[in-house]
Amino acid sequence: MSAKRLPGKPLLKIKGKSIITRVFKKAKESRIGDVVVATEDKVIVNEVNRNGGIAILTSKKHKSGTDRIWEAFQKIKDKKIKYIINLQGDEPLIDVNDIKNLNKLAIKNKFNIATLATKIKNKKILNDKNIVKVATKRNIGYQNPQKAISFYRALKNNESKKLYHHIGIYQYSVTALKKFFNLKRSTNEKKNKLEQLRALDNKIPIYVILAKKNVVGIDTKEDYIELKRMFKYKT
């Protein structure tokens, strides 16, 4: 609720449904496992419960979503869980089949951390700090994951890299999530405000898988207006 660029965004409505409700219902549609919303805000807990979801209230002190997820996982106390998917609450256009494919490949290849990205269709986003980019040495595919070299908010020199638009979803093994939580925040993470750099800075590989559907995250008022327009167009 305290997002600086768009305060209160989880409860903003798109065609009568809040953004957080649309996201957790997409997660449930994947039918991969239980869906729990981890949040520091009681109003979000109430919104999720009111719409048939499950939410866990966490500390307000977390510096990253992954740290928050570790606290929520500790509260669940289910030792049978081997993998956790972190779907960020501002991705209501995430495709269910892309979530399923991420889960399938992460388990098949025994990845400790895996994520999704889409092709960059507009080069203007390269210098847009609100849109995170990921670089790999080789081209990624729907069935062809590649290790991430790094993640960026803005960059100019990209000739030697394969660049993609990063999507806010990760799949962790429980072992990797615990290790990540116990690591100190790296200098790169704090400087760029990108938690995934903590893993790369500590030699924990992140594998990137191509998503078939493009996703628009919501970081600004302009993003929200564009998303409402897209939903109206779809209807």
Protein backbone atom coordinates (compact mmCIF):
# COMPACT_ATOMS: atom_id res chain seq x y z
CA MET A 1 0.00 0.00 0.00
CA SER A 2 2.97 2.34 0.56
CA ALA A 3 4.38 2.09 -2.98
CA LYS A 4 5.94 5.50 -3.60
CA ARG A 5 5.17 5.72 -7.33
CA LEU A 6 1.56 4.55 -7.01
CA PRO A 7 0.30 4.51 -3.39
CA GLY A 8 -2.45 2.02 -2.66
CA LYS A 9 -2.04 0.19 -5.97
CA PRO A 10 -3.02 -3.34 -4.75
CA LEU A 11 -6.57 -2.10 -4.11
CA LEU A 12 -6.96 -0.11 -7.34
CA LYS A 13 -9.85 -1.51 -9.36
CA ILE A 14 -9.90 -2.82 -12.93
CA LYS A 15 -13.43 -3.55 -14.13
CA GLY A 16 -14.65 -3.87 -10.56
CA LYS A 17 -11.88 -6.14 -9.24
CA SER A 18 -8.83 -5.02 -7.29
CA ILE A 19 -5.39 -5.67 -8.74
CA ILE A 20 -4.42 -8.02 -5.88
CA THR A 21 -7.63 -10.01 -6.36
CA ARG A 22 -6.93 -10.44 -10.07
CA VAL A 23 -3.38 -11.62 -9.32
CA PHE A 24 -4.23 -14.23 -6.68
CA LYS A 25 -7.08 -15.59 -8.80
CA LYS A 26 -4.64 -16.02 -11.72
CA ALA A 27 -2.34 -17.94 -9.38
CA LYS A 28 -5.23 -20.20 -8.30
CA GLU A 29 -6.11 -20.87 -11.95
CA SER A 30 -2.67 -22.45 -12.46
CA ARG A 31 -3.65 -25.22 -9.99
CA ILE A 32 0.00 -25.78 -9.05
CA GLY A 33 -0.46 -25.55 -5.29
CA ASP A 34 -1.92 -23.50 -2.46
CA VAL A 35 -2.07 -19.74 -3.01
CA VAL A 36 -1.29 -17.36 -0.15
CA VAL A 37 -0.94 -13.58 -0.27
CA ALA A 38 1.90 -12.27 1.91
CA THR A 39 1.40 -8.63 2.88
CA GLU A 40 2.29 -6.08 5.55
CA ASP A 41 -1.10 -4.36 5.25
CA LYS A 42 -4.23 -5.40 7.11
CA VAL A 43 -6.43 -3.79 4.44
CA ILE A 44 -4.97 -6.17 1.84
CA VAL A 45 -5.59 -9.15 4.14
CA ASN A 46 -9.21 -8.04 4.42
CA GLU A 47 -9.53 -7.57 0.65
CA VAL A 48 -8.12 -11.02 -0.09
CA ASN A 49 -10.28 -12.74 2.54
CA ARG A 50 -13.36 -10.93 1.30
CA ASN A 51 -12.73 -12.30 -2.21
CA GLY A 52 -12.22 -15.90 -1.16
CA GLY A 53 -8.43 -15.93 -0.81
CA ILE A 54 -5.95 -16.63 1.99
CA ALA A 55 -3.54 -13.97 3.27
CA ILE A 56 -0.79 -13.83 5.88
CA LEU A 57 0.14 -10.60 7.67
CA THR A 58 3.91 -10.09 7.80
CA SER A 59 6.39 -7.60 9.23
CA LYS A 60 6.67 -4.09 7.81
CA LYS A 61 10.47 -4.21 8.10
CA HIS A 62 11.23 -6.37 5.05
CA LYS A 63 13.40 -4.79 2.36
CA SER A 64 12.32 -7.21 -0.38
CA GLY A 65 9.37 -9.35 -1.37
CA THR A 66 11.46 -12.51 -1.10
CA ASP A 67 12.26 -11.79 2.55
CA ARG A 68 8.54 -11.31 3.17
CA ILE A 69 7.77 -14.64 1.50
CA TRP A 70 10.24 -16.45 3.74
CA GLU A 71 8.42 -15.12 6.82
CA ALA A 72 5.06 -16.25 5.39
CA PHE A 73 6.50 -19.68 4.59
CA GLN A 74 7.74 -20.01 8.17
CA LYS A 75 4.23 -19.29 9.43
CA ILE A 76 2.69 -21.94 7.15
CA LYS A 77 4.84 -24.66 8.77
CA ASP A 78 4.43 -27.26 6.01
CA LYS A 79 7.58 -29.38 5.65
CA LYS A 80 6.22 -31.12 2.54
CA ILE A 81 6.65 -27.98 0.43
CA LYS A 82 9.72 -28.17 -1.84
CA TYR A 83 9.15 -25.20 -4.14
CA ILE A 84 7.65 -21.76 -3.72
CA ILE A 85 6.52 -19.46 -6.53
CA ASN A 86 6.78 -15.74 -5.83
CA LEU A 87 4.25 -13.97 -8.05
CA GLN A 88 4.39 -10.24 -7.48
CA GLY A 89 1.11 -8.55 -6.68
CA ASP A 90 1.18 -6.07 -9.57
CA GLU A 91 1.18 -8.59 -12.45
CA PRO A 92 -2.55 -9.12 -13.24
CA LEU A 93 -1.81 -9.94 -16.90
CA ILE A 94 0.48 -12.89 -16.10
CA ASP A 95 -0.50 -15.87 -18.27
CA VAL A 96 -1.52 -19.06 -16.45
CA ASN A 97 0.28 -21.26 -19.00
CA ASP A 98 3.51 -19.32 -18.47
CA ILE A 99 3.24 -19.93 -14.72
CA LYS A 100 2.73 -23.65 -15.37
CA ASN A 101 5.71 -23.79 -17.74
CA LEU A 102 7.96 -22.05 -15.21
CA ASN A 103 6.99 -24.61 -12.59
CA LYS A 104 7.45 -27.54 -14.95
CA LEU A 105 10.93 -26.54 -16.14
CA ALA A 106 12.17 -25.50 -12.69
CA ILE A 107 11.27 -28.90 -11.25
CA LYS A 108 12.45 -30.88 -14.29
CA ASN A 109 15.88 -29.18 -14.32
CA LYS A 110 16.14 -28.89 -10.52
CA PHE A 111 16.70 -25.13 -10.71
CA ASN A 112 17.16 -23.41 -7.36
CA ILE A 113 15.81 -20.14 -8.78
CA ALA A 114 14.00 -19.59 -12.08
CA THR A 115 12.10 -16.65 -13.54
CA LEU A 116 10.33 -15.43 -16.69
CA ALA A 117 11.03 -12.77 -19.31
CA THR A 118 9.54 -11.61 -22.61
CA LYS A 119 11.04 -10.20 -25.79
CA ILE A 120 11.60 -6.46 -25.93
CA LYS A 121 9.42 -5.01 -28.66
CA ASN A 122 10.03 -1.34 -27.92
CA LYS A 123 13.62 -0.20 -27.38
CA LYS A 124 12.41 2.83 -25.44
CA ILE A 125 12.07 0.63 -22.36
CA LEU A 126 15.85 0.10 -22.23
CA ASN A 127 16.24 3.40 -20.41
CA ASP A 128 12.96 3.20 -18.52
CA LYS A 129 13.94 2.65 -14.88
CA ASN A 130 10.44 1.40 -14.03
CA ILE A 131 10.88 -1.63 -16.33
CA VAL A 132 13.44 -4.23 -15.27
CA LYS A 133 15.56 -5.90 -17.95
CA VAL A 134 17.45 -9.18 -17.74
CA ALA A 135 20.50 -10.14 -19.79
CA THR A 136 21.59 -13.64 -20.84
CA LYS A 137 24.54 -14.88 -22.92
CA ARG A 138 22.34 -16.91 -25.26
CA ASN A 139 18.79 -16.57 -26.52
CA ILE A 140 16.17 -17.98 -24.19
CA GLY A 141 13.14 -20.01 -25.28
CA TYR A 142 9.88 -21.42 -23.97
CA GLN A 143 11.69 -24.73 -23.44
CA ASN A 144 15.22 -23.33 -23.45
CA PRO A 145 16.21 -21.68 -20.13
CA GLN A 146 19.46 -19.72 -19.84
CA LYS A 147 21.38 -18.30 -16.90
CA ALA A 148 20.92 -14.61 -16.17
CA ILE A 149 24.05 -12.47 -16.46
CA SER A 150 22.48 -9.54 -14.64
CA PHE A 151 19.34 -7.45 -14.17
CA TYR A 152 19.07 -3.75 -14.99
CA ARG A 153 16.78 -0.78 -14.57
CA ALA A 154 18.39 1.30 -17.32
CA LEU A 155 21.34 0.67 -19.63
CA LYS A 156 22.89 1.97 -22.83
CA ASN A 157 25.64 -0.44 -23.88
CA ASN A 158 23.84 -3.70 -24.72
CA GLU A 159 25.65 -4.95 -27.82
CA SER A 160 27.13 -8.08 -26.20
CA LYS A 161 24.00 -9.14 -24.34
CA LYS A 162 20.70 -10.83 -25.09
CA LEU A 163 18.22 -8.54 -23.39
CA TYR A 164 14.68 -9.28 -22.28
CA HIS A 165 11.87 -7.63 -20.36
CA HIS A 166 11.81 -9.27 -16.93
CA ILE A 167 8.51 -10.46 -15.45
CA GLY A 168 7.95 -10.30 -11.69
CA ILE A 169 7.76 -14.00 -10.87
CA TYR A 170 10.31 -16.41 -9.38
CA GLN A 171 10.31 -20.06 -8.48
CA TYR A 172 12.57 -21.03 -5.57
CA SER A 173 13.51 -24.30 -4.04
CA VAL A 174 12.94 -24.02 -0.28
CA THR A 175 16.71 -24.52 0.20
CA ALA A 176 17.53 -21.57 -2.07
CA LEU A 177 14.90 -19.36 -0.47
CA LYS A 178 16.33 -20.02 2.99
CA LYS A 179 19.86 -19.30 1.78
CA PHE A 180 18.73 -16.09 0.08
CA PHE A 181 16.98 -14.88 3.23
CA ASN A 182 20.08 -15.45 5.37
CA LEU A 183 22.39 -13.53 3.04
CA LYS A 184 23.13 -9.87 3.67
CA ARG A 185 21.73 -7.41 1.15
CA SER A 186 24.44 -6.85 -1.46
CA THR A 187 25.73 -3.45 -2.59
CA ASN A 188 24.25 -3.98 -6.06
CA GLU A 189 20.87 -4.90 -4.60
CA LYS A 190 20.70 -1.74 -2.51
CA LYS A 191 22.04 0.52 -5.27
CA ASN A 192 19.69 -0.75 -7.98
CA LYS A 193 16.76 -1.72 -5.73
CA LEU A 194 16.68 -5.17 -7.33
CA GLU A 195 16.57 -8.03 -4.85
CA GLN A 196 17.54 -10.66 -7.45
CA LEU A 197 21.04 -9.17 -7.58
CA ARG A 198 21.60 -10.51 -4.06
CA ALA A 199 21.45 -14.03 -5.49
CA LEU A 200 23.76 -13.32 -8.45
CA ASP A 201 26.25 -11.47 -6.25
CA ASN A 202 26.46 -14.60 -4.09
CA LYS A 203 26.94 -17.00 -7.03
CA ILE A 204 23.39 -18.37 -6.91
CA PRO A 205 22.31 -18.79 -10.56
CA ILE A 206 18.94 -17.60 -11.79
CA TYR A 207 17.58 -19.33 -14.89
CA VAL A 208 15.44 -17.32 -17.29
CA ILE A 209 12.59 -18.86 -19.30
CA LEU A 210 10.77 -17.13 -22.16
CA ALA A 211 7.13 -16.28 -21.52
CA LYS A 212 4.74 -16.48 -24.46
CA LYS A 213 2.53 -13.63 -23.28
CA ASN A 214 3.72 -10.09 -22.68
CA VAL A 215 3.00 -8.63 -19.24
CA VAL A 216 2.49 -5.06 -18.11
CA GLY A 217 3.44 -4.48 -14.48
CA ILE A 218 1.86 -1.58 -12.59
CA ASP A 219 4.36 0.88 -11.16
CA THR A 220 2.94 4.26 -12.12
CA LYS A 221 -0.39 6.00 -12.67
CA GLU A 222 0.28 5.78 -16.42
CA ASP A 223 0.70 1.99 -16.14
CA TYR A 224 -2.63 1.76 -14.34
CA ILE A 225 -4.42 3.83 -17.00
CA GLU A 226 -2.87 1.70 -19.76
CA LEU A 227 -3.91 -1.51 -18.02
CA LYS A 228 -7.50 -0.32 -17.66
CA ARG A 229 -7.50 0.53 -21.35
CA MET A 230 -6.20 -2.96 -22.22
CA PHE A 231 -8.91 -4.68 -20.17
CA LYS A 232 -11.57 -2.51 -21.80
CA TYR A 233 -10.19 -3.41 -25.23
CA LYS A 234 -10.17 -7.16 -24.38
CA THR A 235 -13.81 -6.99 -23.33
